[in-house]
Amino acid sequence: MKIYIVVPAYNEAKNIGQVLKDLGKTKLPVIVVDDGSKDKTYEVAKKHKVTLLRHRVNLGKGAALKTGFEAAFLKRADAVITMDSDGQHKISDLPQFIDKLKEEKYDIVFGSRDFSHKVPLVRSLGNQFALNLIRLLFGVSVSDLTCGFRGVTKKAYKKMKWESSGYAVETEMVIETGKRHLKYCEVPVETVYYDKVKGVTVLDAIHILFDVLRWRIAK
């Protein structure tokens, strides 16, 4: 099985270098999508042996992921593993995703963080509320709705094709998993938050909530 790593990046010049250096040790092909960064993200990434794509303007995480997925599958990838560019995901957790994908029993492998410690309280509570809502509305039971560390097969991607351009993409992927009756599993991952401010804001969460209700009505 040919697996690519897709790394969406926006203004991560201070972190992406180490992320790509670590990924280089895995020997897996890597695609970085610079989503219109205003800092030196593109220049830093360019120093590494990766496929580097660039959005001239910031389109959002969902759009960056779509660009990366399309590029990977054009290169004949069988599956993609997504990782964030800020260093919060550990390279040591990659083998779990690879092993599950290679079993060929699952369409999607979701990373699941331990919310009992180290995770900002707002994120933990927000995630708990959202995953209960998704379980109720769509019948998908996962323990972590918004973790960006996940593996997706080509088959799954072709069936789901999300519409979200921003942070709602991770929630929509879970919902699409239920709507398309895709087979999924979870693996535990370690997460380190270097910046407790970044990520899904309260306003983002409200927008995502309305998206969830809209997707339920449109089901």
N, C-alpha and C. Protein backbone atom coordinates (compact mmCIF):
# COMPACT_ATOMS: atom_id res chain seq x y z
N MET A 1 0.85 -1.21 0.00
CA MET A 1 0.00 0.00 0.00
C MET A 1 0.87 1.25 0.00
N LYS A 2 0.57 2.18 -0.90
CA LYS A 2 1.32 3.42 -1.00
C LYS A 2 0.62 4.49 -0.19
N ILE A 3 1.30 4.98 0.84
CA ILE A 3 0.71 5.95 1.76
C ILE A 3 1.47 7.27 1.70
N TYR A 4 0.73 8.36 1.56
CA TYR A 4 1.31 9.71 1.57
C TYR A 4 0.92 10.42 2.86
N ILE A 5 1.78 11.32 3.31
CA ILE A 5 1.46 12.20 4.43
C ILE A 5 1.10 13.56 3.85
N VAL A 6 -0.03 14.11 4.26
CA VAL A 6 -0.45 15.44 3.81
C VAL A 6 -0.43 16.39 5.01
N VAL A 7 0.29 17.49 4.85
CA VAL A 7 0.46 18.46 5.94
C VAL A 7 -0.05 19.83 5.49
N PRO A 8 -1.23 20.25 5.94
CA PRO A 8 -1.71 21.60 5.64
C PRO A 8 -0.99 22.59 6.56
N ALA A 9 -0.63 23.75 6.04
CA ALA A 9 0.15 24.69 6.85
C ALA A 9 -0.27 26.12 6.62
N TYR A 10 -0.39 26.86 7.71
CA TYR A 10 -0.69 28.29 7.61
C TYR A 10 0.07 29.03 8.71
N ASN A 11 1.01 29.85 8.30
CA ASN A 11 1.83 30.64 9.22
C ASN A 11 2.49 29.77 10.30
N GLU A 12 3.18 28.73 9.86
CA GLU A 12 3.85 27.82 10.79
C GLU A 12 5.36 27.77 10.56
N ALA A 13 5.94 28.89 10.19
CA ALA A 13 7.38 28.92 9.89
C ALA A 13 8.22 28.46 11.08
N LYS A 14 7.78 28.74 12.29
CA LYS A 14 8.60 28.40 13.46
C LYS A 14 8.53 26.92 13.84
N ASN A 15 7.51 26.21 13.33
CA ASN A 15 7.35 24.81 13.72
C ASN A 15 7.51 23.80 12.59
N ILE A 16 7.18 24.20 11.37
CA ILE A 16 7.10 23.22 10.30
C ILE A 16 8.45 22.60 9.93
N GLY A 17 9.52 23.32 10.14
CA GLY A 17 10.83 22.78 9.83
C GLY A 17 11.13 21.50 10.60
N GLN A 18 10.88 21.53 11.91
CA GLN A 18 11.12 20.35 12.74
C GLN A 18 10.17 19.22 12.37
N VAL A 19 8.91 19.57 12.07
CA VAL A 19 7.93 18.56 11.67
C VAL A 19 8.41 17.81 10.42
N LEU A 20 8.86 18.56 9.43
CA LEU A 20 9.32 17.95 8.19
C LEU A 20 10.63 17.20 8.36
N LYS A 21 11.47 17.69 9.24
CA LYS A 21 12.72 16.98 9.54
C LYS A 21 12.40 15.61 10.15
N ASP A 22 11.46 15.58 11.07
CA ASP A 22 11.06 14.31 11.70
C ASP A 22 10.40 13.39 10.68
N LEU A 23 9.53 13.95 9.84
CA LEU A 23 8.85 13.14 8.83
C LEU A 23 9.84 12.56 7.83
N GLY A 24 10.93 13.28 7.58
CA GLY A 24 11.94 12.78 6.65
C GLY A 24 12.54 11.46 7.09
N LYS A 25 12.54 11.20 8.39
CA LYS A 25 13.08 9.95 8.92
C LYS A 25 12.19 8.76 8.63
N THR A 26 10.92 9.00 8.29
CA THR A 26 9.98 7.92 8.05
C THR A 26 10.08 7.35 6.64
N LYS A 27 10.68 8.11 5.73
CA LYS A 27 10.82 7.71 4.32
C LYS A 27 9.49 7.70 3.57
N LEU A 28 8.44 8.21 4.21
CA LEU A 28 7.14 8.29 3.54
C LEU A 28 7.08 9.57 2.70
N PRO A 29 6.44 9.52 1.52
CA PRO A 29 6.30 10.74 0.72
C PRO A 29 5.40 11.74 1.42
N VAL A 30 5.81 13.00 1.38
CA VAL A 30 5.09 14.05 2.10
C VAL A 30 4.65 15.16 1.14
N ILE A 31 3.41 15.59 1.28
CA ILE A 31 2.89 16.73 0.53
C ILE A 31 2.54 17.83 1.53
N VAL A 32 3.14 18.99 1.36
CA VAL A 32 2.84 20.15 2.20
C VAL A 32 2.02 21.13 1.38
N VAL A 33 0.93 21.59 1.95
CA VAL A 33 0.10 22.60 1.28
C VAL A 33 0.17 23.88 2.10
N ASP A 34 0.92 24.86 1.60
CA ASP A 34 1.00 26.16 2.25
C ASP A 34 -0.25 26.95 1.88
N ASP A 35 -1.11 27.16 2.86
CA ASP A 35 -2.41 27.78 2.61
C ASP A 35 -2.35 29.31 2.72
N GLY A 36 -1.57 29.91 1.83
CA GLY A 36 -1.51 31.37 1.78
C GLY A 36 -0.84 32.00 2.98
N SER A 37 0.19 31.36 3.51
CA SER A 37 0.89 31.90 4.68
C SER A 37 1.50 33.27 4.41
N LYS A 38 1.50 34.11 5.45
CA LYS A 38 2.09 35.44 5.34
C LYS A 38 3.50 35.48 5.92
N ASP A 39 3.92 34.37 6.54
CA ASP A 39 5.27 34.32 7.09
C ASP A 39 6.17 33.50 6.15
N LYS A 40 7.20 32.88 6.68
CA LYS A 40 8.19 32.16 5.87
C LYS A 40 7.91 30.66 5.79
N THR A 41 6.66 30.26 6.00
CA THR A 41 6.32 28.84 5.96
C THR A 41 6.77 28.18 4.66
N TYR A 42 6.47 28.82 3.55
CA TYR A 42 6.82 28.25 2.24
C TYR A 42 8.33 28.10 2.09
N GLU A 43 9.06 29.11 2.48
CA GLU A 43 10.52 29.09 2.34
C GLU A 43 11.15 28.01 3.22
N VAL A 44 10.62 27.84 4.43
CA VAL A 44 11.14 26.81 5.33
C VAL A 44 10.84 25.41 4.76
N ALA A 45 9.62 25.22 4.32
CA ALA A 45 9.23 23.91 3.78
C ALA A 45 10.02 23.55 2.53
N LYS A 46 10.37 24.57 1.77
CA LYS A 46 11.08 24.36 0.51
C LYS A 46 12.46 23.74 0.73
N LYS A 47 13.00 23.84 1.92
CA LYS A 47 14.31 23.29 2.23
C LYS A 47 14.28 21.78 2.44
N HIS A 48 13.10 21.20 2.46
CA HIS A 48 12.96 19.77 2.74
C HIS A 48 12.49 19.00 1.50
N LYS A 49 12.75 17.72 1.52
CA LYS A 49 12.39 16.86 0.38
C LYS A 49 10.92 16.48 0.46
N VAL A 50 10.08 17.41 0.06
CA VAL A 50 8.63 17.20 0.07
C VAL A 50 8.05 17.74 -1.23
N THR A 51 6.84 17.33 -1.53
CA THR A 51 6.09 17.97 -2.61
C THR A 51 5.41 19.19 -2.00
N LEU A 52 5.75 20.37 -2.48
CA LEU A 52 5.27 21.61 -1.88
C LEU A 52 4.28 22.32 -2.80
N LEU A 53 3.07 22.47 -2.32
CA LEU A 53 2.02 23.16 -3.07
C LEU A 53 1.65 24.44 -2.32
N ARG A 54 1.10 25.40 -3.05
CA ARG A 54 0.84 26.69 -2.42
C ARG A 54 -0.45 27.33 -2.90
N HIS A 55 -1.27 27.75 -1.93
CA HIS A 55 -2.42 28.59 -2.23
C HIS A 55 -1.95 30.04 -2.14
N ARG A 56 -2.24 30.83 -3.14
CA ARG A 56 -1.81 32.23 -3.13
C ARG A 56 -2.49 33.03 -2.03
N VAL A 57 -3.71 32.62 -1.67
CA VAL A 57 -4.44 33.27 -0.57
C VAL A 57 -4.89 32.19 0.40
N ASN A 58 -5.19 32.60 1.61
CA ASN A 58 -5.64 31.64 2.62
C ASN A 58 -7.07 31.19 2.34
N LEU A 59 -7.24 29.90 2.08
CA LEU A 59 -8.55 29.33 1.75
C LEU A 59 -9.15 28.53 2.89
N GLY A 60 -8.35 28.14 3.86
CA GLY A 60 -8.85 27.36 4.98
C GLY A 60 -8.32 25.94 4.99
N LYS A 61 -8.40 25.32 6.16
CA LYS A 61 -7.83 23.98 6.33
C LYS A 61 -8.49 22.94 5.43
N GLY A 62 -9.82 23.02 5.30
CA GLY A 62 -10.52 22.06 4.45
C GLY A 62 -10.06 22.13 3.01
N ALA A 63 -9.87 23.34 2.52
CA ALA A 63 -9.40 23.53 1.15
C ALA A 63 -7.96 23.03 0.99
N ALA A 64 -7.13 23.29 1.98
CA ALA A 64 -5.74 22.83 1.93
C ALA A 64 -5.67 21.30 1.93
N LEU A 65 -6.50 20.68 2.75
CA LEU A 65 -6.53 19.22 2.78
C LEU A 65 -6.98 18.65 1.44
N LYS A 66 -8.00 19.28 0.85
CA LYS A 66 -8.49 18.79 -0.44
C LYS A 66 -7.41 18.88 -1.50
N THR A 67 -6.67 19.98 -1.51
CA THR A 67 -5.56 20.13 -2.46
C THR A 67 -4.53 19.02 -2.25
N GLY A 68 -4.21 18.75 -0.99
CA GLY A 68 -3.23 17.72 -0.68
C GLY A 68 -3.70 16.32 -1.05
N PHE A 69 -4.96 16.02 -0.75
CA PHE A 69 -5.52 14.70 -1.08
C PHE A 69 -5.53 14.48 -2.60
N GLU A 70 -5.99 15.48 -3.33
CA GLU A 70 -6.07 15.35 -4.78
C GLU A 70 -4.68 15.11 -5.37
N ALA A 71 -3.69 15.82 -4.85
CA ALA A 71 -2.32 15.66 -5.33
C ALA A 71 -1.79 14.26 -5.02
N ALA A 72 -2.08 13.77 -3.82
CA ALA A 72 -1.61 12.44 -3.41
C ALA A 72 -2.21 11.35 -4.28
N PHE A 73 -3.49 11.46 -4.55
CA PHE A 73 -4.13 10.41 -5.34
C PHE A 73 -3.76 10.50 -6.82
N LEU A 74 -3.41 11.68 -7.29
CA LEU A 74 -2.87 11.80 -8.65
C LEU A 74 -1.52 11.10 -8.74
N LYS A 75 -0.81 11.04 -7.61
CA LYS A 75 0.47 10.34 -7.56
C LYS A 75 0.29 8.85 -7.24
N ARG A 76 -0.95 8.40 -7.34
CA ARG A 76 -1.30 6.98 -7.15
C ARG A 76 -1.19 6.50 -5.71
N ALA A 77 -1.42 7.37 -4.77
CA ALA A 77 -1.48 6.96 -3.37
C ALA A 77 -2.72 6.08 -3.16
N ASP A 78 -2.60 5.11 -2.26
CA ASP A 78 -3.74 4.29 -1.88
C ASP A 78 -4.44 4.86 -0.66
N ALA A 79 -3.69 5.64 0.12
CA ALA A 79 -4.25 6.25 1.33
C ALA A 79 -3.41 7.46 1.72
N VAL A 80 -4.01 8.31 2.53
CA VAL A 80 -3.35 9.52 3.01
C VAL A 80 -3.47 9.58 4.52
N ILE A 81 -2.40 10.01 5.17
CA ILE A 81 -2.45 10.30 6.60
C ILE A 81 -2.23 11.80 6.75
N THR A 82 -3.13 12.45 7.46
CA THR A 82 -3.02 13.90 7.65
C THR A 82 -2.40 14.21 9.01
N MET A 83 -1.51 15.19 9.02
CA MET A 83 -0.87 15.65 10.25
C MET A 83 -0.82 17.17 10.24
N ASP A 84 -0.98 17.77 11.40
CA ASP A 84 -0.89 19.22 11.50
C ASP A 84 0.56 19.68 11.43
N SER A 85 0.76 20.92 11.06
CA SER A 85 2.11 21.45 10.82
C SER A 85 2.72 22.14 12.02
N ASP A 86 2.01 22.17 13.15
CA ASP A 86 2.51 22.90 14.32
C ASP A 86 3.29 22.02 15.30
N GLY A 87 3.45 20.73 14.96
CA GLY A 87 4.24 19.86 15.81
C GLY A 87 3.48 19.17 16.92
N GLN A 88 2.17 19.36 16.98
CA GLN A 88 1.41 18.76 18.07
C GLN A 88 1.23 17.25 17.90
N HIS A 89 1.37 16.74 16.68
CA HIS A 89 1.24 15.31 16.44
C HIS A 89 2.61 14.64 16.45
N LYS A 90 2.69 13.48 17.09
CA LYS A 90 3.95 12.78 17.27
C LYS A 90 4.21 11.79 16.13
N ILE A 91 5.41 11.85 15.58
CA ILE A 91 5.80 10.92 14.53
C ILE A 91 5.75 9.48 15.03
N SER A 92 5.98 9.30 16.33
CA SER A 92 5.97 7.96 16.91
C SER A 92 4.60 7.29 16.84
N ASP A 93 3.54 8.07 16.60
CA ASP A 93 2.20 7.50 16.49
C ASP A 93 1.85 7.06 15.06
N LEU A 94 2.67 7.44 14.11
CA LEU A 94 2.39 7.10 12.71
C LEU A 94 2.22 5.60 12.44
N PRO A 95 3.06 4.73 13.01
CA PRO A 95 2.93 3.29 12.73
C PRO A 95 1.54 2.73 13.02
N GLN A 96 0.84 3.29 14.01
CA GLN A 96 -0.51 2.81 14.30
C GLN A 96 -1.45 3.02 13.11
N PHE A 97 -1.36 4.20 12.50
CA PHE A 97 -2.20 4.50 11.35
C PHE A 97 -1.82 3.62 10.16
N ILE A 98 -0.53 3.48 9.94
CA ILE A 98 -0.05 2.68 8.82
C ILE A 98 -0.51 1.23 8.96
N ASP A 99 -0.37 0.67 10.16
CA ASP A 99 -0.76 -0.72 10.39
C ASP A 99 -2.25 -0.92 10.15
N LYS A 100 -3.08 -0.01 10.65
CA LYS A 100 -4.53 -0.14 10.48
C LYS A 100 -4.93 -0.01 9.01
N LEU A 101 -4.31 0.92 8.29
CA LEU A 101 -4.62 1.09 6.89
C LEU A 101 -4.20 -0.13 6.08
N LYS A 102 -3.06 -0.70 6.43
CA LYS A 102 -2.57 -1.86 5.69
C LYS A 102 -3.38 -3.13 5.95
N GLU A 103 -4.13 -3.14 7.03
CA GLU A 103 -5.03 -4.27 7.29
C GLU A 103 -6.13 -4.34 6.23
N GLU A 104 -6.41 -3.16 5.62
CA GLU A 104 -7.44 -3.02 4.58
C GLU A 104 -8.83 -3.42 5.08
N LYS A 105 -9.06 -3.22 6.37
CA LYS A 105 -10.38 -3.47 6.94
C LYS A 105 -11.12 -2.17 7.20
N TYR A 106 -10.37 -1.06 7.20
CA TYR A 106 -10.97 0.22 7.55
C TYR A 106 -10.79 1.24 6.43
N ASP A 107 -11.84 2.05 6.23
CA ASP A 107 -11.77 3.13 5.26
C ASP A 107 -11.11 4.37 5.86
N ILE A 108 -11.32 4.57 7.17
CA ILE A 108 -10.80 5.73 7.86
C ILE A 108 -10.27 5.33 9.23
N VAL A 109 -9.14 5.91 9.60
CA VAL A 109 -8.56 5.69 10.92
C VAL A 109 -8.48 7.06 11.61
N PHE A 110 -9.22 7.22 12.69
CA PHE A 110 -9.24 8.49 13.42
C PHE A 110 -8.27 8.46 14.59
N GLY A 111 -7.51 9.54 14.75
CA GLY A 111 -6.68 9.69 15.93
C GLY A 111 -7.55 10.14 17.09
N SER A 112 -7.27 9.61 18.28
CA SER A 112 -8.06 9.96 19.46
C SER A 112 -7.13 10.43 20.57
N ARG A 113 -7.31 11.67 21.00
CA ARG A 113 -6.49 12.25 22.06
C ARG A 113 -7.03 11.90 23.44
N ASP A 114 -6.15 11.92 24.42
CA ASP A 114 -6.54 11.71 25.80
C ASP A 114 -6.95 13.05 26.39
N PHE A 115 -8.25 13.20 26.64
CA PHE A 115 -8.78 14.48 27.12
C PHE A 115 -8.75 14.58 28.65
N SER A 116 -8.14 13.62 29.33
CA SER A 116 -8.12 13.65 30.78
C SER A 116 -7.07 14.62 31.33
N HIS A 117 -6.10 15.00 30.47
CA HIS A 117 -5.09 15.94 30.93
C HIS A 117 -4.42 16.63 29.75
N LYS A 118 -3.79 17.75 30.01
CA LYS A 118 -2.99 18.50 29.06
C LYS A 118 -3.78 19.19 27.95
N VAL A 119 -5.04 18.87 27.79
CA VAL A 119 -5.84 19.49 26.75
C VAL A 119 -6.61 20.68 27.33
N PRO A 120 -6.58 21.85 26.67
CA PRO A 120 -7.32 23.01 27.17
C PRO A 120 -8.78 22.66 27.45
N LEU A 121 -9.30 23.12 28.58
CA LEU A 121 -10.65 22.77 29.03
C LEU A 121 -11.71 23.11 27.99
N VAL A 122 -11.59 24.28 27.36
CA VAL A 122 -12.59 24.68 26.37
C VAL A 122 -12.66 23.67 25.22
N ARG A 123 -11.50 23.21 24.77
CA ARG A 123 -11.47 22.23 23.69
C ARG A 123 -12.08 20.91 24.12
N SER A 124 -11.76 20.50 25.34
CA SER A 124 -12.27 19.23 25.85
C SER A 124 -13.79 19.22 25.96
N LEU A 125 -14.34 20.27 26.56
CA LEU A 125 -15.79 20.37 26.73
C LEU A 125 -16.50 20.51 25.39
N GLY A 126 -15.93 21.33 24.52
CA GLY A 126 -16.52 21.52 23.19
C GLY A 126 -16.54 20.23 22.40
N ASN A 127 -15.45 19.48 22.48
CA ASN A 127 -15.38 18.20 21.77
C ASN A 127 -16.42 17.22 22.31
N GLN A 128 -16.58 17.16 23.62
CA GLN A 128 -17.53 16.24 24.24
C GLN A 128 -18.96 16.54 23.80
N PHE A 129 -19.32 17.82 23.81
CA PHE A 129 -20.67 18.21 23.38
C PHE A 129 -20.90 17.85 21.92
N ALA A 130 -19.91 18.16 21.09
CA ALA A 130 -20.06 17.94 19.65
C ALA A 130 -20.14 16.46 19.29
N LEU A 131 -19.30 15.64 19.92
CA LEU A 131 -19.32 14.22 19.55
C LEU A 131 -20.61 13.55 20.00
N ASN A 132 -21.20 14.01 21.12
CA ASN A 132 -22.50 13.48 21.53
C ASN A 132 -23.59 13.87 20.54
N LEU A 133 -23.50 15.10 20.03
CA LEU A 133 -24.47 15.57 19.06
C LEU A 133 -24.35 14.77 17.76
N ILE A 134 -23.12 14.52 17.32
CA ILE A 134 -22.90 13.75 16.09
C ILE A 134 -23.40 12.33 16.25
N ARG A 135 -23.16 11.75 17.42
CA ARG A 135 -23.63 10.39 17.68
C ARG A 135 -25.15 10.33 17.60
N LEU A 136 -25.81 11.33 18.15
CA LEU A 136 -27.27 11.38 18.16
C LEU A 136 -27.84 11.58 16.76
N LEU A 137 -27.24 12.50 16.01
CA LEU A 137 -27.79 12.86 14.70
C LEU A 137 -27.37 11.94 13.56
N PHE A 138 -26.18 11.37 13.65
CA PHE A 138 -25.66 10.61 12.51
C PHE A 138 -25.25 9.18 12.84
N GLY A 139 -25.32 8.80 14.10
CA GLY A 139 -25.01 7.42 14.46
C GLY A 139 -23.55 7.04 14.35
N VAL A 140 -22.66 8.03 14.41
CA VAL A 140 -21.23 7.76 14.36
C VAL A 140 -20.65 7.97 15.76
N SER A 141 -20.00 6.96 16.29
CA SER A 141 -19.48 7.05 17.64
C SER A 141 -17.96 7.09 17.63
N VAL A 142 -17.42 8.28 17.83
CA VAL A 142 -15.98 8.45 17.96
C VAL A 142 -15.71 9.19 19.26
N SER A 143 -14.50 9.08 19.77
CA SER A 143 -14.18 9.74 21.03
C SER A 143 -13.50 11.08 20.85
N ASP A 144 -13.11 11.40 19.61
CA ASP A 144 -12.43 12.67 19.34
C ASP A 144 -12.86 13.17 17.97
N LEU A 145 -13.61 14.24 17.97
CA LEU A 145 -14.20 14.73 16.73
C LEU A 145 -13.25 15.56 15.88
N THR A 146 -12.34 16.28 16.51
CA THR A 146 -11.58 17.29 15.78
C THR A 146 -10.08 17.04 15.66
N CYS A 147 -9.63 15.87 16.06
CA CYS A 147 -8.21 15.57 15.92
C CYS A 147 -7.82 15.54 14.44
N GLY A 148 -6.78 16.29 14.08
CA GLY A 148 -6.37 16.37 12.68
C GLY A 148 -5.46 15.24 12.23
N PHE A 149 -5.15 14.34 13.14
CA PHE A 149 -4.30 13.19 12.85
C PHE A 149 -5.21 12.03 12.46
N ARG A 150 -5.28 11.70 11.18
CA ARG A 150 -6.17 10.64 10.73
C ARG A 150 -5.72 10.06 9.39
N GLY A 151 -6.14 8.85 9.13
CA GLY A 151 -5.80 8.18 7.88
C GLY A 151 -7.05 7.94 7.05
N VAL A 152 -6.96 8.19 5.75
CA VAL A 152 -8.12 8.08 4.86
C VAL A 152 -7.71 7.34 3.59
N THR A 153 -8.46 6.32 3.21
CA THR A 153 -8.16 5.60 1.98
C THR A 153 -8.71 6.36 0.77
N LYS A 154 -8.22 6.03 -0.38
CA LYS A 154 -8.70 6.65 -1.62
C LYS A 154 -10.18 6.37 -1.80
N LYS A 155 -10.60 5.15 -1.51
CA LYS A 155 -12.01 4.77 -1.62
C LYS A 155 -12.89 5.67 -0.77
N ALA A 156 -12.46 5.90 0.48
CA ALA A 156 -13.24 6.74 1.39
C ALA A 156 -13.31 8.18 0.89
N TYR A 157 -12.18 8.71 0.45
CA TYR A 157 -12.15 10.09 -0.03
C TYR A 157 -13.08 10.29 -1.21
N LYS A 158 -13.07 9.37 -2.14
CA LYS A 158 -13.92 9.49 -3.33
C LYS A 158 -15.40 9.47 -2.97
N LYS A 159 -15.73 8.82 -1.87
CA LYS A 159 -17.14 8.76 -1.46
C LYS A 159 -17.57 9.99 -0.66
N MET A 160 -16.66 10.54 0.14
CA MET A 160 -17.08 11.62 1.04
C MET A 160 -16.96 13.02 0.44
N LYS A 161 -15.86 13.37 -0.15
CA LYS A 161 -15.62 14.69 -0.74
C LYS A 161 -16.34 15.82 -0.01
N TRP A 162 -15.73 16.30 1.03
CA TRP A 162 -16.33 17.33 1.88
C TRP A 162 -16.46 18.68 1.18
N GLU A 163 -17.38 19.52 1.71
CA GLU A 163 -17.58 20.87 1.17
C GLU A 163 -16.92 21.94 2.03
N SER A 164 -16.59 21.62 3.26
CA SER A 164 -16.03 22.60 4.19
C SER A 164 -14.65 23.06 3.74
N SER A 165 -14.44 24.36 3.76
CA SER A 165 -13.13 24.89 3.41
C SER A 165 -12.30 25.20 4.66
N GLY A 166 -12.96 25.34 5.81
CA GLY A 166 -12.26 25.71 7.03
C GLY A 166 -12.13 24.57 8.03
N TYR A 167 -12.15 24.91 9.33
CA TYR A 167 -11.95 23.93 10.38
C TYR A 167 -13.09 22.92 10.50
N ALA A 168 -14.24 23.21 9.94
CA ALA A 168 -15.37 22.28 10.02
C ALA A 168 -15.10 21.00 9.24
N VAL A 169 -14.05 20.97 8.45
CA VAL A 169 -13.76 19.80 7.63
C VAL A 169 -13.63 18.53 8.47
N GLU A 170 -13.00 18.63 9.65
CA GLU A 170 -12.80 17.43 10.46
C GLU A 170 -14.12 16.88 10.96
N THR A 171 -15.04 17.77 11.34
CA THR A 171 -16.36 17.35 11.76
C THR A 171 -17.12 16.76 10.58
N GLU A 172 -17.03 17.40 9.44
CA GLU A 172 -17.75 16.91 8.26
C GLU A 172 -17.24 15.53 7.84
N MET A 173 -15.95 15.28 7.98
CA MET A 173 -15.40 13.97 7.64
C MET A 173 -16.01 12.87 8.51
N VAL A 174 -16.21 13.17 9.79
CA VAL A 174 -16.84 12.20 10.69
C VAL A 174 -18.29 11.96 10.27
N ILE A 175 -18.99 13.05 9.97
CA ILE A 175 -20.38 12.93 9.54
C ILE A 175 -20.49 12.14 8.25
N GLU A 176 -19.61 12.42 7.30
CA GLU A 176 -19.62 11.70 6.03
C GLU A 176 -19.32 10.22 6.22
N THR A 177 -18.51 9.92 7.23
CA THR A 177 -18.23 8.52 7.55
C THR A 177 -19.52 7.77 7.87
N GLY A 178 -20.39 8.42 8.64
CA GLY A 178 -21.67 7.82 8.97
C GLY A 178 -22.62 7.78 7.79
N LYS A 179 -22.71 8.88 7.07
CA LYS A 179 -23.65 8.97 5.95
C LYS A 179 -23.30 8.00 4.83
N ARG A 180 -22.00 7.77 4.61
CA ARG A 180 -21.56 6.88 3.53
C ARG A 180 -21.30 5.46 4.01
N HIS A 181 -21.60 5.21 5.29
CA HIS A 181 -21.43 3.87 5.87
C HIS A 181 -20.02 3.34 5.68
N LEU A 182 -19.04 4.19 5.97
CA LEU A 182 -17.65 3.79 5.84
C LEU A 182 -17.19 3.08 7.12
N LYS A 183 -16.26 2.17 6.96
CA LYS A 183 -15.72 1.43 8.10
C LYS A 183 -14.59 2.25 8.72
N TYR A 184 -14.64 2.36 10.04
CA TYR A 184 -13.64 3.20 10.71
C TYR A 184 -13.19 2.60 12.03
N CYS A 185 -12.07 3.09 12.51
CA CYS A 185 -11.58 2.71 13.83
C CYS A 185 -10.83 3.91 14.40
N GLU A 186 -10.44 3.81 15.66
CA GLU A 186 -9.68 4.87 16.31
C GLU A 186 -8.37 4.31 16.87
N VAL A 187 -7.35 5.14 16.92
CA VAL A 187 -6.09 4.79 17.57
C VAL A 187 -5.72 5.93 18.53
N PRO A 188 -5.19 5.60 19.68
CA PRO A 188 -4.81 6.65 20.65
C PRO A 188 -3.57 7.39 20.17
N VAL A 189 -3.59 8.72 20.32
CA VAL A 189 -2.43 9.52 19.93
C VAL A 189 -2.08 10.50 21.03
N GLU A 190 -0.80 10.79 21.11
CA GLU A 190 -0.33 11.80 22.06
C GLU A 190 -0.37 13.15 21.37
N THR A 191 -0.80 14.15 22.08
CA THR A 191 -0.89 15.49 21.52
C THR A 191 -0.26 16.50 22.47
N VAL A 192 0.57 17.37 21.91
CA VAL A 192 1.18 18.43 22.70
C VAL A 192 0.71 19.77 22.16
N TYR A 193 0.12 20.60 23.00
CA TYR A 193 -0.36 21.91 22.58
C TYR A 193 0.70 22.96 22.85
N TYR A 194 1.35 23.42 21.78
CA TYR A 194 2.34 24.47 21.92
C TYR A 194 1.68 25.84 21.99
N ASP A 195 0.51 25.93 21.41
CA ASP A 195 -0.21 27.21 21.39
C ASP A 195 -1.67 26.94 21.73
N LYS A 196 -2.08 27.31 22.94
CA LYS A 196 -3.44 27.01 23.39
C LYS A 196 -4.47 27.94 22.77
N VAL A 197 -4.02 28.95 22.07
CA VAL A 197 -4.95 29.91 21.46
C VAL A 197 -5.37 29.47 20.07
N LYS A 198 -4.43 28.83 19.36
CA LYS A 198 -4.71 28.48 17.98
C LYS A 198 -5.71 27.34 17.89
N GLY A 199 -6.27 27.18 16.68
CA GLY A 199 -7.21 26.09 16.45
C GLY A 199 -8.63 26.61 16.34
N VAL A 200 -9.58 25.77 16.74
CA VAL A 200 -10.99 26.11 16.62
C VAL A 200 -11.38 27.09 17.73
N THR A 201 -11.82 28.27 17.35
CA THR A 201 -12.26 29.27 18.31
C THR A 201 -13.72 29.05 18.67
N VAL A 202 -14.23 29.80 19.65
CA VAL A 202 -15.63 29.70 20.02
C VAL A 202 -16.52 30.05 18.82
N LEU A 203 -16.12 31.10 18.08
CA LEU A 203 -16.89 31.50 16.91
C LEU A 203 -16.88 30.40 15.85
N ASP A 204 -15.71 29.77 15.67
CA ASP A 204 -15.62 28.64 14.73
C ASP A 204 -16.59 27.54 15.15
N ALA A 205 -16.60 27.24 16.44
CA ALA A 205 -17.43 26.17 16.97
C ALA A 205 -18.92 26.44 16.71
N ILE A 206 -19.33 27.70 16.87
CA ILE A 206 -20.73 28.07 16.61
C ILE A 206 -21.07 27.86 15.14
N HIS A 207 -20.16 28.28 14.27
CA HIS A 207 -20.38 28.07 12.84
C HIS A 207 -20.47 26.58 12.51
N ILE A 208 -19.59 25.79 13.12
CA ILE A 208 -19.60 24.35 12.88
C ILE A 208 -20.91 23.73 13.36
N LEU A 209 -21.41 24.21 14.49
CA LEU A 209 -22.69 23.70 15.00
C LEU A 209 -23.80 23.92 14.00
N PHE A 210 -23.86 25.11 13.42
CA PHE A 210 -24.88 25.38 12.41
C PHE A 210 -24.68 24.51 11.17
N ASP A 211 -23.41 24.25 10.83
CA ASP A 211 -23.13 23.37 9.70
C ASP A 211 -23.64 21.96 9.98
N VAL A 212 -23.42 21.49 11.19
CA VAL A 212 -23.87 20.14 11.57
C VAL A 212 -25.38 20.01 11.41
N LEU A 213 -26.11 21.01 11.90
CA LEU A 213 -27.57 20.99 11.77
C LEU A 213 -28.00 21.05 10.31
N ARG A 214 -27.27 21.84 9.53
CA ARG A 214 -27.59 21.94 8.09
C ARG A 214 -27.34 20.61 7.38
N TRP A 215 -26.24 19.96 7.74
CA TRP A 215 -25.93 18.66 7.11
C TRP A 215 -26.95 17.60 7.50
N ARG A 216 -27.49 17.72 8.72
CA ARG A 216 -28.50 16.76 9.15
C ARG A 216 -29.80 16.95 8.36
N ILE A 217 -30.17 18.19 8.15
CA ILE A 217 -31.38 18.49 7.39
C ILE A 217 -31.24 18.04 5.95
N ALA A 218 -30.01 18.18 5.42
CA ALA A 218 -29.77 17.85 4.02
C ALA A 218 -29.55 16.35 3.79
N LYS A 219 -29.53 15.58 4.87
CA LYS A 219 -29.23 14.15 4.75
C LYS A 219 -30.23 13.43 3.87
